[in-house]
Amino acid sequence: RQAPGKQRELVAAISSGGGTNYAGSVKGRFTISRDS
């Protein structure tokens, strides 16, 4: 995500095996998933 005047930041990522990681600011609130 990128807000005006701010750097782009990684919010969430998901690997091919389904492993996930999140920015600390969104942990517990956002969930990333995939449908192959």
PDB file of all heavy atoms in Angstrom:
ATOM      1  N   ARG A   1       0.838  -1.193   0.000  1.00  0.00           N
ATOM      2  CA  ARG A   1       0.000   0.000   0.000  1.00  0.00           C
ATOM      3  C   ARG A   1       0.877   1.249   0.000  1.00  0.00           C
ATOM      4  O   ARG A   1       2.016   1.224   0.462  1.00  0.00           O
ATOM      5  CB  ARG A   1      -0.959   0.023   1.193  1.00  0.00           C
ATOM      6  CG  ARG A   1      -0.306   0.185   2.550  1.00  0.00           C
ATOM      7  CD  ARG A   1      -1.351   0.043   3.654  1.00  0.00           C
ATOM      8  NE  ARG A   1      -0.785   0.227   4.974  1.00  0.00           N
ATOM      9  CZ  ARG A   1      -1.440   0.005   6.109  1.00  0.00           C
ATOM     10  NH1 ARG A   1      -2.709  -0.406   6.081  1.00  0.00           N
ATOM     11  NH2 ARG A   1      -0.837   0.205   7.275  1.00  0.00           N
ATOM     12  N   GLN A   2       0.315   2.328  -0.522  1.00  0.00           N
ATOM     13  CA  GLN A   2       1.017   3.598  -0.555  1.00  0.00           C
ATOM     14  C   GLN A   2       0.028   4.727  -0.350  1.00  0.00           C
ATOM     15  O   GLN A   2      -0.944   4.855  -1.089  1.00  0.00           O
ATOM     16  CB  GLN A   2       1.760   3.790  -1.875  1.00  0.00           C
ATOM     17  CG  GLN A   2       2.648   5.019  -1.901  1.00  0.00           C
ATOM     18  CD  GLN A   2       3.595   5.029  -3.077  1.00  0.00           C
ATOM     19  OE1 GLN A   2       3.299   4.461  -4.124  1.00  0.00           O
ATOM     20  NE2 GLN A   2       4.743   5.669  -2.898  1.00  0.00           N
ATOM     21  N   ALA A   3       0.278   5.539   0.667  1.00  0.00           N
ATOM     22  CA  ALA A   3      -0.499   6.737   0.927  1.00  0.00           C
ATOM     23  C   ALA A   3       0.244   7.934   0.353  1.00  0.00           C
ATOM     24  O   ALA A   3       1.472   7.898   0.196  1.00  0.00           O
ATOM     25  CB  ALA A   3      -0.717   6.914   2.426  1.00  0.00           C
ATOM     26  N   PRO A   4      -0.460   9.025   0.024  1.00  0.00           N
ATOM     27  CA  PRO A   4       0.204  10.202  -0.549  1.00  0.00           C
ATOM     28  C   PRO A   4       1.336  10.706   0.338  1.00  0.00           C
ATOM     29  O   PRO A   4       1.173  10.855   1.551  1.00  0.00           O
ATOM     30  CB  PRO A   4      -0.919  11.231  -0.638  1.00  0.00           C
ATOM     31  CG  PRO A   4      -2.158  10.406  -0.767  1.00  0.00           C
ATOM     32  CD  PRO A   4      -1.916   9.209   0.103  1.00  0.00           C
ATOM     33  N   GLY A   5       2.486  10.959  -0.267  1.00  0.00           N
ATOM     34  CA  GLY A   5       3.636  11.467   0.462  1.00  0.00           C
ATOM     35  C   GLY A   5       4.383  10.450   1.285  1.00  0.00           C
ATOM     36  O   GLY A   5       5.330  10.819   1.989  1.00  0.00           O
ATOM     37  N   LYS A   6       3.985   9.189   1.219  1.00  0.00           N
ATOM     38  CA  LYS A   6       4.632   8.147   2.000  1.00  0.00           C
ATOM     39  C   LYS A   6       5.235   7.079   1.095  1.00  0.00           C
ATOM     40  O   LYS A   6       4.852   6.941  -0.064  1.00  0.00           O
ATOM     41  CB  LYS A   6       3.638   7.505   2.972  1.00  0.00           C
ATOM     42  CG  LYS A   6       3.109   8.451   4.033  1.00  0.00           C
ATOM     43  CD  LYS A   6       2.221   7.721   5.027  1.00  0.00           C
ATOM     44  CE  LYS A   6       1.731   8.645   6.120  1.00  0.00           C
ATOM     45  NZ  LYS A   6       0.868   7.925   7.098  1.00  0.00           N
ATOM     46  N   GLN A   7       6.169   6.328   1.652  1.00  0.00           N
ATOM     47  CA  GLN A   7       6.792   5.232   0.927  1.00  0.00           C
ATOM     48  C   GLN A   7       5.824   4.056   0.800  1.00  0.00           C
ATOM     49  O   GLN A   7       4.968   3.837   1.664  1.00  0.00           O
ATOM     50  CB  GLN A   7       8.054   4.760   1.640  1.00  0.00           C
ATOM     51  CG  GLN A   7       9.198   5.758   1.643  1.00  0.00           C
ATOM     52  CD  GLN A   7       9.874   5.836   0.300  1.00  0.00           C
ATOM     53  OE1 GLN A   7       9.506   6.654  -0.549  1.00  0.00           O
ATOM     54  NE2 GLN A   7      10.867   4.984   0.081  1.00  0.00           N
ATOM     55  N   ARG A   8       5.971   3.309  -0.279  1.00  0.00           N
ATOM     56  CA  ARG A   8       5.218   2.079  -0.435  1.00  0.00           C
ATOM     57  C   ARG A   8       5.686   1.067   0.608  1.00  0.00           C
ATOM     58  O   ARG A   8       6.890   0.951   0.875  1.00  0.00           O
ATOM     59  CB  ARG A   8       5.437   1.517  -1.844  1.00  0.00           C
ATOM     60  CG  ARG A   8       4.656   0.260  -2.158  1.00  0.00           C
ATOM     61  CD  ARG A   8       4.980  -0.213  -3.563  1.00  0.00           C
ATOM     62  NE  ARG A   8       6.384  -0.563  -3.694  1.00  0.00           N
ATOM     63  CZ  ARG A   8       7.043  -0.593  -4.843  1.00  0.00           C
ATOM     64  NH1 ARG A   8       6.428  -0.280  -5.970  1.00  0.00           N
ATOM     65  NH2 ARG A   8       8.325  -0.929  -4.863  1.00  0.00           N
ATOM     66  N   GLU A   9       4.759   0.363   1.222  1.00  0.00           N
ATOM     67  CA  GLU A   9       5.107  -0.617   2.236  1.00  0.00           C
ATOM     68  C   GLU A   9       4.433  -1.951   1.971  1.00  0.00           C
ATOM     69  O   GLU A   9       3.316  -2.011   1.456  1.00  0.00           O
ATOM     70  CB  GLU A   9       4.720  -0.115   3.639  1.00  0.00           C
ATOM     71  CG  GLU A   9       3.231   0.067   3.858  1.00  0.00           C
ATOM     72  CD  GLU A   9       2.871   0.391   5.299  1.00  0.00           C
ATOM     73  OE1 GLU A   9       3.643   0.036   6.212  1.00  0.00           O
ATOM     74  OE2 GLU A   9       1.806   1.004   5.513  1.00  0.00           O
ATOM     75  N   LEU A  10       5.123  -3.016   2.333  1.00  0.00           N
ATOM     76  CA  LEU A  10       4.557  -4.359   2.246  1.00  0.00           C
ATOM     77  C   LEU A  10       3.574  -4.550   3.382  1.00  0.00           C
ATOM     78  O   LEU A  10       3.914  -4.356   4.547  1.00  0.00           O
ATOM     79  CB  LEU A  10       5.663  -5.410   2.319  1.00  0.00           C
ATOM     80  CG  LEU A  10       5.208  -6.872   2.298  1.00  0.00           C
ATOM     81  CD1 LEU A  10       4.577  -7.228   0.963  1.00  0.00           C
ATOM     82  CD2 LEU A  10       6.389  -7.796   2.581  1.00  0.00           C
ATOM     83  N   VAL A  11       2.355  -4.939   3.042  1.00  0.00           N
ATOM     84  CA  VAL A  11       1.304  -5.172   4.022  1.00  0.00           C
ATOM     85  C   VAL A  11       1.244  -6.639   4.414  1.00  0.00           C
ATOM     86  O   VAL A  11       1.158  -6.977   5.595  1.00  0.00           O
ATOM     87  CB  VAL A  11      -0.065  -4.717   3.474  1.00  0.00           C
ATOM     88  CG1 VAL A  11      -1.185  -5.057   4.444  1.00  0.00           C
ATOM     89  CG2 VAL A  11      -0.039  -3.219   3.193  1.00  0.00           C
ATOM     90  N   ALA A  12       1.255  -7.522   3.425  1.00  0.00           N
ATOM     91  CA  ALA A  12       1.148  -8.953   3.663  1.00  0.00           C
ATOM     92  C   ALA A  12       1.724  -9.708   2.485  1.00  0.00           C
ATOM     93  O   ALA A  12       1.713  -9.220   1.356  1.00  0.00           O
ATOM     94  CB  ALA A  12      -0.318  -9.361   3.884  1.00  0.00           C
ATOM     95  N   ALA A  13       2.222 -10.918   2.736  1.00  0.00           N
ATOM     96  CA  ALA A  13       2.745 -11.774   1.682  1.00  0.00           C
ATOM     97  C   ALA A  13       2.361 -13.210   1.967  1.00  0.00           C
ATOM     98  O   ALA A  13       2.190 -13.603   3.127  1.00  0.00           O
ATOM     99  CB  ALA A  13       4.265 -11.647   1.573  1.00  0.00           C
ATOM    100  N   ILE A  14       2.228 -14.001   0.901  1.00  0.00           N
ATOM    101  CA  ILE A  14       1.901 -15.414   1.029  1.00  0.00           C
ATOM    102  C   ILE A  14       2.763 -16.198   0.050  1.00  0.00           C
ATOM    103  O   ILE A  14       2.886 -15.846  -1.119  1.00  0.00           O
ATOM    104  CB  ILE A  14       0.393 -15.662   0.801  1.00  0.00           C
ATOM    105  CG1 ILE A  14       0.047 -17.133   1.049  1.00  0.00           C
ATOM    106  CG2 ILE A  14      -0.052 -15.206  -0.581  1.00  0.00           C
ATOM    107  CD1 ILE A  14      -1.455 -17.377   1.176  1.00  0.00           C
ATOM    108  N   SER A  15       3.387 -17.263   0.527  1.00  0.00           N
ATOM    109  CA  SER A  15       4.271 -18.076  -0.287  1.00  0.00           C
ATOM    110  C   SER A  15       3.479 -19.111  -1.071  1.00  0.00           C
ATOM    111  O   SER A  15       2.282 -19.307  -0.867  1.00  0.00           O
ATOM    112  CB  SER A  15       5.308 -18.772   0.596  1.00  0.00           C
ATOM    113  OG  SER A  15       4.702 -19.805   1.358  1.00  0.00           O
ATOM    114  N   SER A  16       4.172 -19.798  -1.982  1.00  0.00           N
ATOM    115  CA  SER A  16       3.523 -20.848  -2.759  1.00  0.00           C
ATOM    116  C   SER A  16       2.999 -21.970  -1.878  1.00  0.00           C
ATOM    117  O   SER A  16       2.016 -22.626  -2.236  1.00  0.00           O
ATOM    118  CB  SER A  16       4.492 -21.412  -3.800  1.00  0.00           C
ATOM    119  OG  SER A  16       5.641 -21.974  -3.178  1.00  0.00           O
ATOM    120  N   GLY A  17       3.638 -22.182  -0.729  1.00  0.00           N
ATOM    121  CA  GLY A  17       3.210 -23.203   0.203  1.00  0.00           C
ATOM    122  C   GLY A  17       2.166 -22.754   1.200  1.00  0.00           C
ATOM    123  O   GLY A  17       1.730 -23.559   2.031  1.00  0.00           O
ATOM    124  N   GLY A  18       1.781 -21.479   1.150  1.00  0.00           N
ATOM    125  CA  GLY A  18       0.744 -20.964   2.031  1.00  0.00           C
ATOM    126  C   GLY A  18       1.236 -20.247   3.269  1.00  0.00           C
ATOM    127  O   GLY A  18       0.414 -19.761   4.059  1.00  0.00           O
ATOM    128  N   GLY A  19       2.545 -20.161   3.464  1.00  0.00           N
ATOM    129  CA  GLY A  19       3.069 -19.413   4.585  1.00  0.00           C
ATOM    130  C   GLY A  19       2.822 -17.926   4.418  1.00  0.00           C
ATOM    131  O   GLY A  19       2.852 -17.406   3.302  1.00  0.00           O
ATOM    132  N   THR A  20       2.577 -17.220   5.517  1.00  0.00           N
ATOM    133  CA  THR A  20       2.217 -15.805   5.454  1.00  0.00           C
ATOM    134  C   THR A  20       3.080 -14.969   6.381  1.00  0.00           C
ATOM    135  O   THR A  20       3.643 -15.470   7.362  1.00  0.00           O
ATOM    136  CB  THR A  20       0.746 -15.584   5.831  1.00  0.00           C
ATOM    137  OG1 THR A  20       0.521 -16.045   7.172  1.00  0.00           O
ATOM    138  CG2 THR A  20      -0.175 -16.331   4.882  1.00  0.00           C
ATOM    139  N   ASN A  21       3.192 -13.685   6.055  1.00  0.00           N
ATOM    140  CA  ASN A  21       3.743 -12.717   6.981  1.00  0.00           C
ATOM    141  C   ASN A  21       3.031 -11.389   6.775  1.00  0.00           C
ATOM    142  O   ASN A  21       2.490 -11.118   5.707  1.00  0.00           O
ATOM    143  CB  ASN A  21       5.269 -12.583   6.862  1.00  0.00           C
ATOM    144  CG  ASN A  21       5.724 -12.058   5.523  1.00  0.00           C
ATOM    145  OD1 ASN A  21       5.619 -10.860   5.242  1.00  0.00           O
ATOM    146  ND2 ASN A  21       6.258 -12.942   4.695  1.00  0.00           N
ATOM    147  N   TYR A  22       3.029 -10.557   7.837  1.00  0.00           N
ATOM    148  CA  TYR A  22       2.261  -9.327   7.855  1.00  0.00           C
ATOM    149  C   TYR A  22       3.073  -8.199   8.456  1.00  0.00           C
ATOM    150  O   TYR A  22       3.924  -8.417   9.323  1.00  0.00           O
ATOM    151  CB  TYR A  22       0.990  -9.498   8.693  1.00  0.00           C
ATOM    152  CG  TYR A  22       0.034 -10.546   8.188  1.00  0.00           C
ATOM    153  CD1 TYR A  22       0.133 -11.861   8.626  1.00  0.00           C
ATOM    154  CD2 TYR A  22      -0.962 -10.216   7.282  1.00  0.00           C
ATOM    155  CE1 TYR A  22      -0.739 -12.829   8.158  1.00  0.00           C
ATOM    156  CE2 TYR A  22      -1.841 -11.179   6.813  1.00  0.00           C
ATOM    157  CZ  TYR A  22      -1.731 -12.485   7.254  1.00  0.00           C
ATOM    158  OH  TYR A  22      -2.601 -13.437   6.789  1.00  0.00           O
ATOM    159  N   ALA A  23       2.784  -6.990   8.006  1.00  0.00           N
ATOM    160  CA  ALA A  23       3.313  -5.822   8.685  1.00  0.00           C
ATOM    161  C   ALA A  23       2.730  -5.760  10.095  1.00  0.00           C
ATOM    162  O   ALA A  23       1.572  -6.135  10.323  1.00  0.00           O
ATOM    163  CB  ALA A  23       2.958  -4.554   7.919  1.00  0.00           C
ATOM    164  N   GLY A  24       3.526  -5.295  11.048  1.00  0.00           N
ATOM    165  CA  GLY A  24       3.065  -5.238  12.421  1.00  0.00           C
ATOM    166  C   GLY A  24       1.802  -4.415  12.600  1.00  0.00           C
ATOM    167  O   GLY A  24       0.969  -4.729  13.470  1.00  0.00           O
ATOM    168  N   SER A  25       1.621  -3.398  11.770  1.00  0.00           N
ATOM    169  CA  SER A  25       0.476  -2.514  11.904  1.00  0.00           C
ATOM    170  C   SER A  25      -0.849  -3.171  11.532  1.00  0.00           C
ATOM    171  O   SER A  25      -1.910  -2.652  11.882  1.00  0.00           O
ATOM    172  CB  SER A  25       0.673  -1.258  11.055  1.00  0.00           C
ATOM    173  OG  SER A  25       0.841  -1.597   9.690  1.00  0.00           O
ATOM    174  N   VAL A  26      -0.802  -4.309  10.822  1.00  0.00           N
ATOM    175  CA  VAL A  26      -2.038  -4.954  10.381  1.00  0.00           C
ATOM    176  C   VAL A  26      -2.225  -6.345  10.962  1.00  0.00           C
ATOM    177  O   VAL A  26      -3.276  -6.959  10.729  1.00  0.00           O
ATOM    178  CB  VAL A  26      -2.133  -5.021   8.840  1.00  0.00           C
ATOM    179  CG1 VAL A  26      -1.931  -3.640   8.233  1.00  0.00           C
ATOM    180  CG2 VAL A  26      -1.139  -6.022   8.268  1.00  0.00           C
ATOM    181  N   LYS A  27      -1.261  -6.848  11.708  1.00  0.00           N
ATOM    182  CA  LYS A  27      -1.391  -8.182  12.293  1.00  0.00           C
ATOM    183  C   LYS A  27      -2.630  -8.259  13.173  1.00  0.00           C
ATOM    184  O   LYS A  27      -2.905  -7.367  13.969  1.00  0.00           O
ATOM    185  CB  LYS A  27      -0.157  -8.535  13.119  1.00  0.00           C
ATOM    186  CG  LYS A  27       1.040  -8.953  12.302  1.00  0.00           C
ATOM    187  CD  LYS A  27       2.197  -9.386  13.193  1.00  0.00           C
ATOM    188  CE  LYS A  27       3.379  -9.855  12.369  1.00  0.00           C
ATOM    189  NZ  LYS A  27       4.517 -10.260  13.226  1.00  0.00           N
ATOM    190  N   GLY A  28      -3.370  -9.341  13.007  1.00  0.00           N
ATOM    191  CA  GLY A  28      -4.588  -9.536  13.761  1.00  0.00           C
ATOM    192  C   GLY A  28      -5.804  -8.906  13.136  1.00  0.00           C
ATOM    193  O   GLY A  28      -6.927  -9.159  13.592  1.00  0.00           O
ATOM    194  N   ARG A  29      -5.605  -8.076  12.097  1.00  0.00           N
ATOM    195  CA  ARG A  29      -6.724  -7.411  11.430  1.00  0.00           C
ATOM    196  C   ARG A  29      -6.871  -7.827   9.968  1.00  0.00           C
ATOM    197  O   ARG A  29      -7.987  -7.894   9.465  1.00  0.00           O
ATOM    198  CB  ARG A  29      -6.565  -5.888  11.506  1.00  0.00           C
ATOM    199  CG  ARG A  29      -6.525  -5.342  12.929  1.00  0.00           C
ATOM    200  CD  ARG A  29      -6.605  -3.819  12.937  1.00  0.00           C
ATOM    201  NE  ARG A  29      -5.460  -3.217  12.256  1.00  0.00           N
ATOM    202  CZ  ARG A  29      -5.548  -2.428  11.179  1.00  0.00           C
ATOM    203  NH1 ARG A  29      -6.742  -2.150  10.663  1.00  0.00           N
ATOM    204  NH2 ARG A  29      -4.458  -1.915  10.636  1.00  0.00           N
ATOM    205  N   PHE A  30      -5.749  -8.077   9.289  1.00  0.00           N
ATOM    206  CA  PHE A  30      -5.762  -8.437   7.870  1.00  0.00           C
ATOM    207  C   PHE A  30      -5.388  -9.907   7.702  1.00  0.00           C
ATOM    208  O   PHE A  30      -4.577 -10.445   8.473  1.00  0.00           O
ATOM    209  CB  PHE A  30      -4.752  -7.606   7.076  1.00  0.00           C
ATOM    210  CG  PHE A  30      -5.093  -6.147   6.920  1.00  0.00           C
ATOM    211  CD1 PHE A  30      -6.116  -5.547   7.642  1.00  0.00           C
ATOM    212  CD2 PHE A  30      -4.369  -5.362   6.038  1.00  0.00           C
ATOM    213  CE1 PHE A  30      -6.419  -4.205   7.499  1.00  0.00           C
ATOM    214  CE2 PHE A  30      -4.657  -4.016   5.876  1.00  0.00           C
ATOM    215  CZ  PHE A  30      -5.676  -3.436   6.604  1.00  0.00           C
ATOM    216  N   THR A  31      -5.946 -10.546   6.674  1.00  0.00           N
ATOM    217  CA  THR A  31      -5.628 -11.924   6.350  1.00  0.00           C
ATOM    218  C   THR A  31      -5.411 -12.060   4.847  1.00  0.00           C
ATOM    219  O   THR A  31      -6.289 -11.699   4.060  1.00  0.00           O
ATOM    220  CB  THR A  31      -6.742 -12.888   6.785  1.00  0.00           C
ATOM    221  OG1 THR A  31      -7.007 -12.730   8.183  1.00  0.00           O
ATOM    222  CG2 THR A  31      -6.335 -14.334   6.511  1.00  0.00           C
ATOM    223  N   ILE A  32      -4.254 -12.580   4.442  1.00  0.00           N
ATOM    224  CA  ILE A  32      -3.976 -12.849   3.039  1.00  0.00           C
ATOM    225  C   ILE A  32      -4.236 -14.322   2.758  1.00  0.00           C
ATOM    226  O   ILE A  32      -3.951 -15.182   3.591  1.00  0.00           O
ATOM    227  CB  ILE A  32      -2.532 -12.450   2.663  1.00  0.00           C
ATOM    228  CG1 ILE A  32      -2.306 -12.540   1.153  1.00  0.00           C
ATOM    229  CG2 ILE A  32      -1.512 -13.281   3.425  1.00  0.00           C
ATOM    230  CD1 ILE A  32      -0.975 -11.939   0.694  1.00  0.00           C
ATOM    231  N   SER A  33      -4.802 -14.611   1.589  1.00  0.00           N
ATOM    232  CA  SER A  33      -5.075 -15.984   1.201  1.00  0.00           C
ATOM    233  C   SER A  33      -4.984 -16.095  -0.312  1.00  0.00           C
ATOM    234  O   SER A  33      -4.884 -15.091  -1.012  1.00  0.00           O
ATOM    235  CB  SER A  33      -6.454 -16.433   1.698  1.00  0.00           C
ATOM    236  OG  SER A  33      -7.483 -15.630   1.145  1.00  0.00           O
ATOM    237  N   ARG A  34      -5.021 -17.324  -0.816  1.00  0.00           N
ATOM    238  CA  ARG A  34      -4.961 -17.527  -2.258  1.00  0.00           C
ATOM    239  C   ARG A  34      -5.820 -18.701  -2.665  1.00  0.00           C
ATOM    240  O   ARG A  34      -6.034 -19.643  -1.893  1.00  0.00           O
ATOM    241  CB  ARG A  34      -3.503 -17.700  -2.719  1.00  0.00           C
ATOM    242  CG  ARG A  34      -2.792 -18.919  -2.179  1.00  0.00           C
ATOM    243  CD  ARG A  34      -1.263 -18.789  -2.365  1.00  0.00           C
ATOM    244  NE  ARG A  34      -0.894 -18.540  -3.751  1.00  0.00           N
ATOM    245  CZ  ARG A  34       0.298 -18.105  -4.156  1.00  0.00           C
ATOM    246  NH1 ARG A  34       1.256 -17.855  -3.265  1.00  0.00           N
ATOM    247  NH2 ARG A  34       0.535 -17.911  -5.442  1.00  0.00           N
ATOM    248  N   ASP A  35      -6.308 -18.650  -3.900  1.00  0.00           N
ATOM    249  CA  ASP A  35      -7.105 -19.707  -4.503  1.00  0.00           C
ATOM    250  C   ASP A  35      -6.419 -20.069  -5.811  1.00  0.00           C
ATOM    251  O   ASP A  35      -6.565 -19.365  -6.811  1.00  0.00           O
ATOM    252  CB  ASP A  35      -8.540 -19.240  -4.728  1.00  0.00           C
ATOM    253  CG  ASP A  35      -9.448 -20.340  -5.233  1.00  0.00           C
ATOM    254  OD1 ASP A  35      -8.965 -21.296  -5.863  1.00  0.00           O
ATOM    255  OD2 ASP A  35     -10.671 -20.246  -4.987  1.00  0.00           O
ATOM    256  N   SER A  36      -5.670 -21.171  -5.813  1.00  0.00           N
ATOM    257  CA  SER A  36      -4.897 -21.550  -6.987  1.00  0.00           C
ATOM    258  C   SER A  36      -5.784 -21.850  -8.190  1.00  0.00           C
ATOM    259  O   SER A  36      -5.419 -21.543  -9.327  1.00  0.00           O
ATOM    260  CB  SER A  36      -4.022 -22.759  -6.665  1.00  0.00           C
ATOM    261  OG  SER A  36      -3.046 -22.436  -5.696  1.00  0.00           O
TER     262      SER A  36
END
